[in-house]
Amino acid sequence: MKAKRQKSRESHMKCHQKLQARIQETEDTIQEKHLIIEALVEEKANLLQTIQRLQEDNGAPAPFDDEWEEEPEETRKKKEMRVFL
């Protein structure tokens, strides 16, 4: 009986070690991807600054900003009504 328990325990430990190794590998992969994403975000910001600077140097109109102006509710409803007519 002790031999069976010992074998079961060893099997469990091997399984646990394999699982821990897979978890560590996954965490390492996630960390690598996170660093890549950070680098890409920084590169994007630098490229946007370069584009903006070049546009300003060439006298291009101001770029479209992300702020969206909502049209009044009444105007939107009138447009929707025209679609159905």
PDB file of N, CA and C in Angstrom:
ATOM      1  N   MET A   1       0.821  -1.193   0.000  1.00  0.00           N
ATOM      2  CA  MET A   1       0.000   0.000   0.000  1.00  0.00           C
ATOM      3  C   MET A   1       0.869   1.262   0.000  1.00  0.00           C
ATOM      4  N   LYS A   2       1.957   1.254   0.777  1.00  0.00           N
ATOM      5  CA  LYS A   2       2.846   2.413   0.823  1.00  0.00           C
ATOM      6  C   LYS A   2       3.485   2.665  -0.534  1.00  0.00           C
ATOM      7  N   ALA A   3       3.838   1.627  -1.234  1.00  0.00           N
ATOM      8  CA  ALA A   3       4.455   1.774  -2.559  1.00  0.00           C
ATOM      9  C   ALA A   3       3.469   2.427  -3.525  1.00  0.00           C
ATOM     10  N   LYS A   4       2.194   2.034  -3.427  1.00  0.00           N
ATOM     11  CA  LYS A   4       1.168   2.600  -4.300  1.00  0.00           C
ATOM     12  C   LYS A   4       0.987   4.097  -4.004  1.00  0.00           C
ATOM     13  N   ARG A   5       0.973   4.440  -2.735  1.00  0.00           N
ATOM     14  CA  ARG A   5       0.853   5.844  -2.343  1.00  0.00           C
ATOM     15  C   ARG A   5       2.050   6.657  -2.818  1.00  0.00           C
ATOM     16  N   GLN A   6       3.222   6.086  -2.635  1.00  0.00           N
ATOM     17  CA  GLN A   6       4.451   6.768  -3.046  1.00  0.00           C
ATOM     18  C   GLN A   6       4.444   7.005  -4.554  1.00  0.00           C
ATOM     19  N   LYS A   7       4.026   5.999  -5.315  1.00  0.00           N
ATOM     20  CA  LYS A   7       3.973   6.129  -6.767  1.00  0.00           C
ATOM     21  C   LYS A   7       2.945   7.188  -7.174  1.00  0.00           C
ATOM     22  N   SER A   8       1.817   7.199  -6.488  1.00  0.00           N
ATOM     23  CA  SER A   8       0.778   8.187  -6.766  1.00  0.00           C
ATOM     24  C   SER A   8       1.284   9.592  -6.451  1.00  0.00           C
ATOM     25  N   ARG A   9       1.977   9.723  -5.331  1.00  0.00           N
ATOM     26  CA  ARG A   9       2.525  11.021  -4.941  1.00  0.00           C
ATOM     27  C   ARG A   9       3.564  11.505  -5.959  1.00  0.00           C
ATOM     28  N   GLU A  10       4.435  10.610  -6.402  1.00  0.00           N
ATOM     29  CA  GLU A  10       5.446  10.974  -7.396  1.00  0.00           C
ATOM     30  C   GLU A  10       4.793  11.398  -8.711  1.00  0.00           C
ATOM     31  N   SER A  11       3.766  10.670  -9.100  1.00  0.00           N
ATOM     32  CA  SER A  11       3.038  11.001 -10.324  1.00  0.00           C
ATOM     33  C   SER A  11       2.396  12.384 -10.197  1.00  0.00           C
ATOM     34  N   HIS A  12       1.815  12.629  -9.035  1.00  0.00           N
ATOM     35  CA  HIS A  12       1.191  13.925  -8.789  1.00  0.00           C
ATOM     36  C   HIS A  12       2.232  15.046  -8.841  1.00  0.00           C
ATOM     37  N   MET A  13       3.387  14.821  -8.256  1.00  0.00           N
ATOM     38  CA  MET A  13       4.445  15.836  -8.242  1.00  0.00           C
ATOM     39  C   MET A  13       4.947  16.130  -9.659  1.00  0.00           C
ATOM     40  N   LYS A  14       5.101  15.085 -10.477  1.00  0.00           N
ATOM     41  CA  LYS A  14       5.534  15.291 -11.860  1.00  0.00           C
ATOM     42  C   LYS A  14       4.505  16.122 -12.614  1.00  0.00           C
ATOM     43  N   CYS A  15       3.244  15.783 -12.422  1.00  0.00           N
ATOM     44  CA  CYS A  15       2.164  16.515 -13.077  1.00  0.00           C
ATOM     45  C   CYS A  15       2.168  17.979 -12.619  1.00  0.00           C
ATOM     46  N   HIS A  16       2.334  18.175 -11.322  1.00  0.00           N
ATOM     47  CA  HIS A  16       2.365  19.522 -10.758  1.00  0.00           C
ATOM     48  C   HIS A  16       3.537  20.324 -11.330  1.00  0.00           C
ATOM     49  N   GLN A  17       4.692  19.710 -11.426  1.00  0.00           N
ATOM     50  CA  GLN A  17       5.871  20.393 -11.960  1.00  0.00           C
ATOM     51  C   GLN A  17       5.674  20.778 -13.427  1.00  0.00           C
ATOM     52  N   LYS A  18       5.075  19.868 -14.200  1.00  0.00           N
ATOM     53  CA  LYS A  18       4.803  20.169 -15.608  1.00  0.00           C
ATOM     54  C   LYS A  18       3.828  21.339 -15.722  1.00  0.00           C
ATOM     55  N   LEU A  19       2.807  21.324 -14.880  1.00  0.00           N
ATOM     56  CA  LEU A  19       1.821  22.396 -14.902  1.00  0.00           C
ATOM     57  C   LEU A  19       2.465  23.727 -14.512  1.00  0.00           C
ATOM     58  N   GLN A  20       3.304  23.710 -13.490  1.00  0.00           N
ATOM     59  CA  GLN A  20       3.998  24.926 -13.067  1.00  0.00           C
ATOM     60  C   GLN A  20       4.896  25.457 -14.183  1.00  0.00           C
ATOM     61  N   ALA A  21       5.561  24.557 -14.892  1.00  0.00           N
ATOM     62  CA  ALA A  21       6.425  24.975 -15.996  1.00  0.00           C
ATOM     63  C   ALA A  21       5.598  25.626 -17.103  1.00  0.00           C
ATOM     64  N   ARG A  22       4.435  25.062 -17.403  1.00  0.00           N
ATOM     65  CA  ARG A  22       3.558  25.638 -18.430  1.00  0.00           C
ATOM     66  C   ARG A  22       3.041  27.006 -18.002  1.00  0.00           C
ATOM     67  N   ILE A  23       2.702  27.127 -16.721  1.00  0.00           N
ATOM     68  CA  ILE A  23       2.232  28.418 -16.204  1.00  0.00           C
ATOM     69  C   ILE A  23       3.334  29.466 -16.333  1.00  0.00           C
ATOM     70  N   GLN A  24       4.544  29.119 -15.958  1.00  0.00           N
ATOM     71  CA  GLN A  24       5.667  30.055 -16.044  1.00  0.00           C
ATOM     72  C   GLN A  24       5.928  30.451 -17.490  1.00  0.00           C
ATOM     73  N   GLU A  25       5.875  29.482 -18.390  1.00  0.00           N
ATOM     74  CA  GLU A  25       6.086  29.755 -19.811  1.00  0.00           C
ATOM     75  C   GLU A  25       5.019  30.718 -20.336  1.00  0.00           C
ATOM     76  N   THR A  26       3.779  30.496 -19.925  1.00  0.00           N
ATOM     77  CA  THR A  26       2.682  31.366 -20.346  1.00  0.00           C
ATOM     78  C   THR A  26       2.869  32.773 -19.794  1.00  0.00           C
ATOM     79  N   GLU A  27       3.257  32.884 -18.535  1.00  0.00           N
ATOM     80  CA  GLU A  27       3.494  34.202 -17.939  1.00  0.00           C
ATOM     81  C   GLU A  27       4.623  34.933 -18.652  1.00  0.00           C
ATOM     82  N   ASP A  28       5.670  34.203 -19.012  1.00  0.00           N
ATOM     83  CA  ASP A  28       6.782  34.813 -19.745  1.00  0.00           C
ATOM     84  C   ASP A  28       6.321  35.324 -21.110  1.00  0.00           C
ATOM     85  N   THR A  29       5.506  34.528 -21.786  1.00  0.00           N
ATOM     86  CA  THR A  29       4.979  34.921 -23.095  1.00  0.00           C
ATOM     87  C   THR A  29       4.116  36.165 -22.972  1.00  0.00           C
ATOM     88  N   ILE A  30       3.275  36.207 -21.954  1.00  0.00           N
ATOM     89  CA  ILE A  30       2.418  37.374 -21.739  1.00  0.00           C
ATOM     90  C   ILE A  30       3.272  38.608 -21.477  1.00  0.00           C
ATOM     91  N   GLN A  31       4.299  38.473 -20.673  1.00  0.00           N
ATOM     92  CA  GLN A  31       5.190  39.602 -20.374  1.00  0.00           C
ATOM     93  C   GLN A  31       5.880  40.094 -21.645  1.00  0.00           C
ATOM     94  N   GLU A  32       6.347  39.161 -22.480  1.00  0.00           N
ATOM     95  CA  GLU A  32       6.988  39.547 -23.739  1.00  0.00           C
ATOM     96  C   GLU A  32       6.016  40.321 -24.621  1.00  0.00           C
ATOM     97  N   LYS A  33       4.789  39.822 -24.727  1.00  0.00           N
ATOM     98  CA  LYS A  33       3.788  40.487 -25.561  1.00  0.00           C
ATOM     99  C   LYS A  33       3.447  41.864 -25.005  1.00  0.00           C
ATOM    100  N   HIS A  34       3.404  41.978 -23.691  1.00  0.00           N
ATOM    101  CA  HIS A  34       3.128  43.268 -23.063  1.00  0.00           C
ATOM    102  C   HIS A  34       4.221  44.281 -23.420  1.00  0.00           C
ATOM    103  N   LEU A  35       5.464  43.850 -23.370  1.00  0.00           N
ATOM    104  CA  LEU A  35       6.577  44.738 -23.714  1.00  0.00           C
ATOM    105  C   LEU A  35       6.512  45.154 -25.186  1.00  0.00           C
ATOM    106  N   ILE A  36       6.137  44.217 -26.048  1.00  0.00           N
ATOM    107  CA  ILE A  36       5.999  44.530 -27.473  1.00  0.00           C
ATOM    108  C   ILE A  36       4.901  45.563 -27.674  1.00  0.00           C
ATOM    109  N   ILE A  37       3.775  45.373 -26.992  1.00  0.00           N
ATOM    110  CA  ILE A  37       2.655  46.313 -27.114  1.00  0.00           C
ATOM    111  C   ILE A  37       3.074  47.699 -26.639  1.00  0.00           C
ATOM    112  N   GLU A  38       3.768  47.771 -25.516  1.00  0.00           N
ATOM    113  CA  GLU A  38       4.240  49.066 -25.017  1.00  0.00           C
ATOM    114  C   GLU A  38       5.143  49.750 -26.038  1.00  0.00           C
ATOM    115  N   ALA A  39       6.038  48.985 -26.647  1.00  0.00           N
ATOM    116  CA  ALA A  39       6.942  49.553 -27.648  1.00  0.00           C
ATOM    117  C   ALA A  39       6.163  50.045 -28.863  1.00  0.00           C
ATOM    118  N   LEU A  40       5.154  49.286 -29.279  1.00  0.00           N
ATOM    119  CA  LEU A  40       4.346  49.692 -30.431  1.00  0.00           C
ATOM    120  C   LEU A  40       3.539  50.950 -30.138  1.00  0.00           C
ATOM    121  N   VAL A  41       3.004  51.046 -28.933  1.00  0.00           N
ATOM    122  CA  VAL A  41       2.244  52.241 -28.554  1.00  0.00           C
ATOM    123  C   VAL A  41       3.157  53.464 -28.557  1.00  0.00           C
ATOM    124  N   GLU A  42       4.349  53.306 -28.036  1.00  0.00           N
ATOM    125  CA  GLU A  42       5.303  54.418 -28.024  1.00  0.00           C
ATOM    126  C   GLU A  42       5.699  54.807 -29.451  1.00  0.00           C
ATOM    127  N   GLU A  43       5.926  53.803 -30.295  1.00  0.00           N
ATOM    128  CA  GLU A  43       6.277  54.079 -31.690  1.00  0.00           C
ATOM    129  C   GLU A  43       5.132  54.797 -32.405  1.00  0.00           C
ATOM    130  N   LYS A  44       3.901  54.383 -32.125  1.00  0.00           N
ATOM    131  CA  LYS A  44       2.736  55.037 -32.733  1.00  0.00           C
ATOM    132  C   LYS A  44       2.690  56.506 -32.328  1.00  0.00           C
ATOM    133  N   ALA A  45       2.900  56.778 -31.046  1.00  0.00           N
ATOM    134  CA  ALA A  45       2.872  58.161 -30.560  1.00  0.00           C
ATOM    135  C   ALA A  45       3.954  58.989 -31.249  1.00  0.00           C
ATOM    136  N   ASN A  46       5.133  58.411 -31.400  1.00  0.00           N
ATOM    137  CA  ASN A  46       6.219  59.126 -32.077  1.00  0.00           C
ATOM    138  C   ASN A  46       5.879  59.398 -33.537  1.00  0.00           C
ATOM    139  N   LEU A  47       5.288  58.408 -34.198  1.00  0.00           N
ATOM    140  CA  LEU A  47       4.907  58.591 -35.599  1.00  0.00           C
ATOM    141  C   LEU A  47       3.833  59.664 -35.750  1.00  0.00           C
ATOM    142  N   LEU A  48       2.869  59.671 -34.842  1.00  0.00           N
ATOM    143  CA  LEU A  48       1.825  60.693 -34.900  1.00  0.00           C
ATOM    144  C   LEU A  48       2.408  62.087 -34.700  1.00  0.00           C
ATOM    145  N   GLN A  49       3.367  62.203 -33.795  1.00  0.00           N
ATOM    146  CA  GLN A  49       4.027  63.497 -33.588  1.00  0.00           C
ATOM    147  C   GLN A  49       4.785  63.927 -34.838  1.00  0.00           C
ATOM    148  N   THR A  50       5.461  62.971 -35.467  1.00  0.00           N
ATOM    149  CA  THR A  50       6.197  63.273 -36.692  1.00  0.00           C
ATOM    150  C   THR A  50       5.248  63.725 -37.793  1.00  0.00           C
ATOM    151  N   ILE A  51       4.139  63.022 -37.943  1.00  0.00           N
ATOM    152  CA  ILE A  51       3.140  63.384 -38.957  1.00  0.00           C
ATOM    153  C   ILE A  51       2.610  64.782 -38.696  1.00  0.00           C
ATOM    154  N   GLN A  52       2.270  65.055 -37.447  1.00  0.00           N
ATOM    155  CA  GLN A  52       1.733  66.373 -37.100  1.00  0.00           C
ATOM    156  C   GLN A  52       2.759  67.469 -37.382  1.00  0.00           C
ATOM    157  N   ARG A  53       3.999  67.216 -37.031  1.00  0.00           N
ATOM    158  CA  ARG A  53       5.056  68.202 -37.270  1.00  0.00           C
ATOM    159  C   ARG A  53       5.236  68.441 -38.774  1.00  0.00           C
ATOM    160  N   LEU A  54       5.212  67.371 -39.565  1.00  0.00           N
ATOM    161  CA  LEU A  54       5.350  67.516 -41.014  1.00  0.00           C
ATOM    162  C   LEU A  54       4.168  68.270 -41.610  1.00  0.00           C
ATOM    163  N   GLN A  55       2.980  67.987 -41.103  1.00  0.00           N
ATOM    164  CA  GLN A  55       1.798  68.701 -41.584  1.00  0.00           C
ATOM    165  C   GLN A  55       1.896  70.187 -41.261  1.00  0.00           C
ATOM    166  N   GLU A  56       2.339  70.497 -40.061  1.00  0.00           N
ATOM    167  CA  GLU A  56       2.497  71.902 -39.677  1.00  0.00           C
ATOM    168  C   GLU A  56       3.556  72.582 -40.540  1.00  0.00           C
ATOM    169  N   ASP A  57       4.654  71.876 -40.809  1.00  0.00           N
ATOM    170  CA  ASP A  57       5.721  72.436 -41.641  1.00  0.00           C
ATOM    171  C   ASP A  57       5.242  72.707 -43.063  1.00  0.00           C
ATOM    172  N   ASN A  58       4.324  71.880 -43.540  1.00  0.00           N
ATOM    173  CA  ASN A  58       3.822  72.024 -44.909  1.00  0.00           C
ATOM    174  C   ASN A  58       2.554  72.858 -44.985  1.00  0.00           C
ATOM    175  N   GLY A  59       2.127  73.420 -43.877  1.00  0.00           N
ATOM    176  CA  GLY A  59       0.947  74.277 -43.867  1.00  0.00           C
ATOM    177  C   GLY A  59      -0.346  73.526 -44.098  1.00  0.00           C
ATOM    178  N   ALA A  60      -0.375  72.271 -43.762  1.00  0.00           N
ATOM    179  CA  ALA A  60      -1.595  71.475 -43.929  1.00  0.00           C
ATOM    180  C   ALA A  60      -2.628  71.901 -42.891  1.00  0.00           C
ATOM    181  N   PRO A  61      -3.909  71.703 -43.202  1.00  0.00           N
ATOM    182  CA  PRO A  61      -4.941  72.044 -42.213  1.00  0.00           C
ATOM    183  C   PRO A  61      -4.787  71.182 -40.959  1.00  0.00           C
ATOM    184  N   ALA A  62      -5.337  71.674 -39.882  1.00  0.00           N
ATOM    185  CA  ALA A  62      -5.257  70.948 -38.612  1.00  0.00           C
ATOM    186  C   ALA A  62      -5.909  69.578 -38.762  1.00  0.00           C
ATOM    187  N   PRO A  63      -5.308  68.562 -38.182  1.00  0.00           N
ATOM    188  CA  PRO A  63      -5.890  67.224 -38.287  1.00  0.00           C
ATOM    189  C   PRO A  63      -7.205  67.136 -37.530  1.00  0.00           C
ATOM    190  N   PHE A  64      -8.019  66.196 -37.939  1.00  0.00           N
ATOM    191  CA  PHE A  64      -9.305  65.961 -37.288  1.00  0.00           C
ATOM    192  C   PHE A  64      -9.062  65.483 -35.865  1.00  0.00           C
ATOM    193  N   ASP A  65      -9.709  66.113 -34.915  1.00  0.00           N
ATOM    194  CA  ASP A  65      -9.540  65.654 -33.530  1.00  0.00           C
ATOM    195  C   ASP A  65     -10.594  64.604 -33.209  1.00  0.00           C
ATOM    196  N   ASP A  66     -10.381  63.902 -32.149  1.00  0.00           N
ATOM    197  CA  ASP A  66     -11.261  62.793 -31.784  1.00  0.00           C
ATOM    198  C   ASP A  66     -12.530  63.237 -31.083  1.00  0.00           C
ATOM    199  N   GLU A  67     -12.637  64.512 -30.791  1.00  0.00           N
ATOM    200  CA  GLU A  67     -13.833  64.984 -30.100  1.00  0.00           C
ATOM    201  C   GLU A  67     -14.964  65.114 -31.104  1.00  0.00           C
ATOM    202  N   TRP A  68     -16.052  64.449 -30.825  1.00  0.00           N
ATOM    203  CA  TRP A  68     -17.195  64.413 -31.717  1.00  0.00           C
ATOM    204  C   TRP A  68     -18.259  65.342 -31.178  1.00  0.00           C
ATOM    205  N   GLU A  69     -18.732  66.215 -32.035  1.00  0.00           N
ATOM    206  CA  GLU A  69     -19.800  67.114 -31.617  1.00  0.00           C
ATOM    207  C   GLU A  69     -21.125  66.489 -31.999  1.00  0.00           C
ATOM    208  N   GLU A  70     -21.931  66.230 -31.002  1.00  0.00           N
ATOM    209  CA  GLU A  70     -23.254  65.654 -31.245  1.00  0.00           C
ATOM    210  C   GLU A  70     -24.163  66.713 -31.834  1.00  0.00           C
ATOM    211  N   GLU A  71     -24.935  66.315 -32.850  1.00  0.00           N
ATOM    212  CA  GLU A  71     -25.907  67.252 -33.382  1.00  0.00           C
ATOM    213  C   GLU A  71     -27.111  67.262 -32.448  1.00  0.00           C
ATOM    214  N   PRO A  72     -27.857  68.354 -32.429  1.00  0.00           N
ATOM    215  CA  PRO A  72     -29.016  68.434 -31.542  1.00  0.00           C
ATOM    216  C   PRO A  72     -29.998  67.291 -31.803  1.00  0.00           C
ATOM    217  N   GLU A  73     -30.668  66.869 -30.762  1.00  0.00           N
ATOM    218  CA  GLU A  73     -31.621  65.761 -30.838  1.00  0.00           C
ATOM    219  C   GLU A  73     -32.690  66.006 -31.898  1.00  0.00           C
ATOM    220  N   GLU A  74     -33.198  67.220 -31.978  1.00  0.00           N
ATOM    221  CA  GLU A  74     -34.264  67.539 -32.942  1.00  0.00           C
ATOM    222  C   GLU A  74     -33.784  67.340 -34.376  1.00  0.00           C
ATOM    223  N   THR A  75     -32.581  67.782 -34.678  1.00  0.00           N
ATOM    224  CA  THR A  75     -32.043  67.640 -36.029  1.00  0.00           C
ATOM    225  C   THR A  75     -31.880  66.171 -36.383  1.00  0.00           C
ATOM    226  N   ARG A  76     -31.398  65.388 -35.450  1.00  0.00           N
ATOM    227  CA  ARG A  76     -31.200  63.961 -35.685  1.00  0.00           C
ATOM    228  C   ARG A  76     -32.535  63.273 -35.935  1.00  0.00           C
ATOM    229  N   LYS A  77     -33.555  63.630 -35.162  1.00  0.00           N
ATOM    230  CA  LYS A  77     -34.877  63.023 -35.338  1.00  0.00           C
ATOM    231  C   LYS A  77     -35.470  63.390 -36.690  1.00  0.00           C
ATOM    232  N   LYS A  78     -35.265  64.645 -37.123  1.00  0.00           N
ATOM    233  CA  LYS A  78     -35.775  65.070 -38.426  1.00  0.00           C
ATOM    234  C   LYS A  78     -35.117  64.266 -39.546  1.00  0.00           C
ATOM    235  N   LYS A  79     -33.812  64.056 -39.437  1.00  0.00           N
ATOM    236  CA  LYS A  79     -33.108  63.270 -40.447  1.00  0.00           C
ATOM    237  C   LYS A  79     -33.607  61.833 -40.462  1.00  0.00           C
ATOM    238  N   GLU A  80     -33.847  61.277 -39.294  1.00  0.00           N
ATOM    239  CA  GLU A  80     -34.361  59.910 -39.216  1.00  0.00           C
ATOM    240  C   GLU A  80     -35.744  59.818 -39.833  1.00  0.00           C
ATOM    241  N   MET A  81     -36.561  60.838 -39.628  1.00  0.00           N
ATOM    242  CA  MET A  81     -37.915  60.840 -40.186  1.00  0.00           C
ATOM    243  C   MET A  81     -37.854  60.880 -41.710  1.00  0.00           C
ATOM    244  N   ARG A  82     -36.911  61.630 -42.270  1.00  0.00           N
ATOM    245  CA  ARG A  82     -36.781  61.713 -43.723  1.00  0.00           C
ATOM    246  C   ARG A  82     -36.422  60.363 -44.327  1.00  0.00           C
ATOM    247  N   VAL A  83     -35.672  59.578 -43.604  1.00  0.00           N
ATOM    248  CA  VAL A  83     -35.274  58.263 -44.095  1.00  0.00           C
ATOM    249  C   VAL A  83     -36.494  57.378 -44.278  1.00  0.00           C
ATOM    250  N   PHE A  84     -37.446  57.482 -43.398  1.00  0.00           N
ATOM    251  CA  PHE A  84     -38.627  56.626 -43.462  1.00  0.00           C
ATOM    252  C   PHE A  84     -39.663  57.114 -44.464  1.00  0.00           C
ATOM    253  N   LEU A  85     -39.574  58.343 -44.918  1.00  0.00           N
ATOM    254  CA  LEU A  85     -40.565  58.885 -45.858  1.00  0.00           C
ATOM    255  C   LEU A  85     -40.309  58.490 -47.262  1.00  0.00           C
TER     256      LEU A  85
END
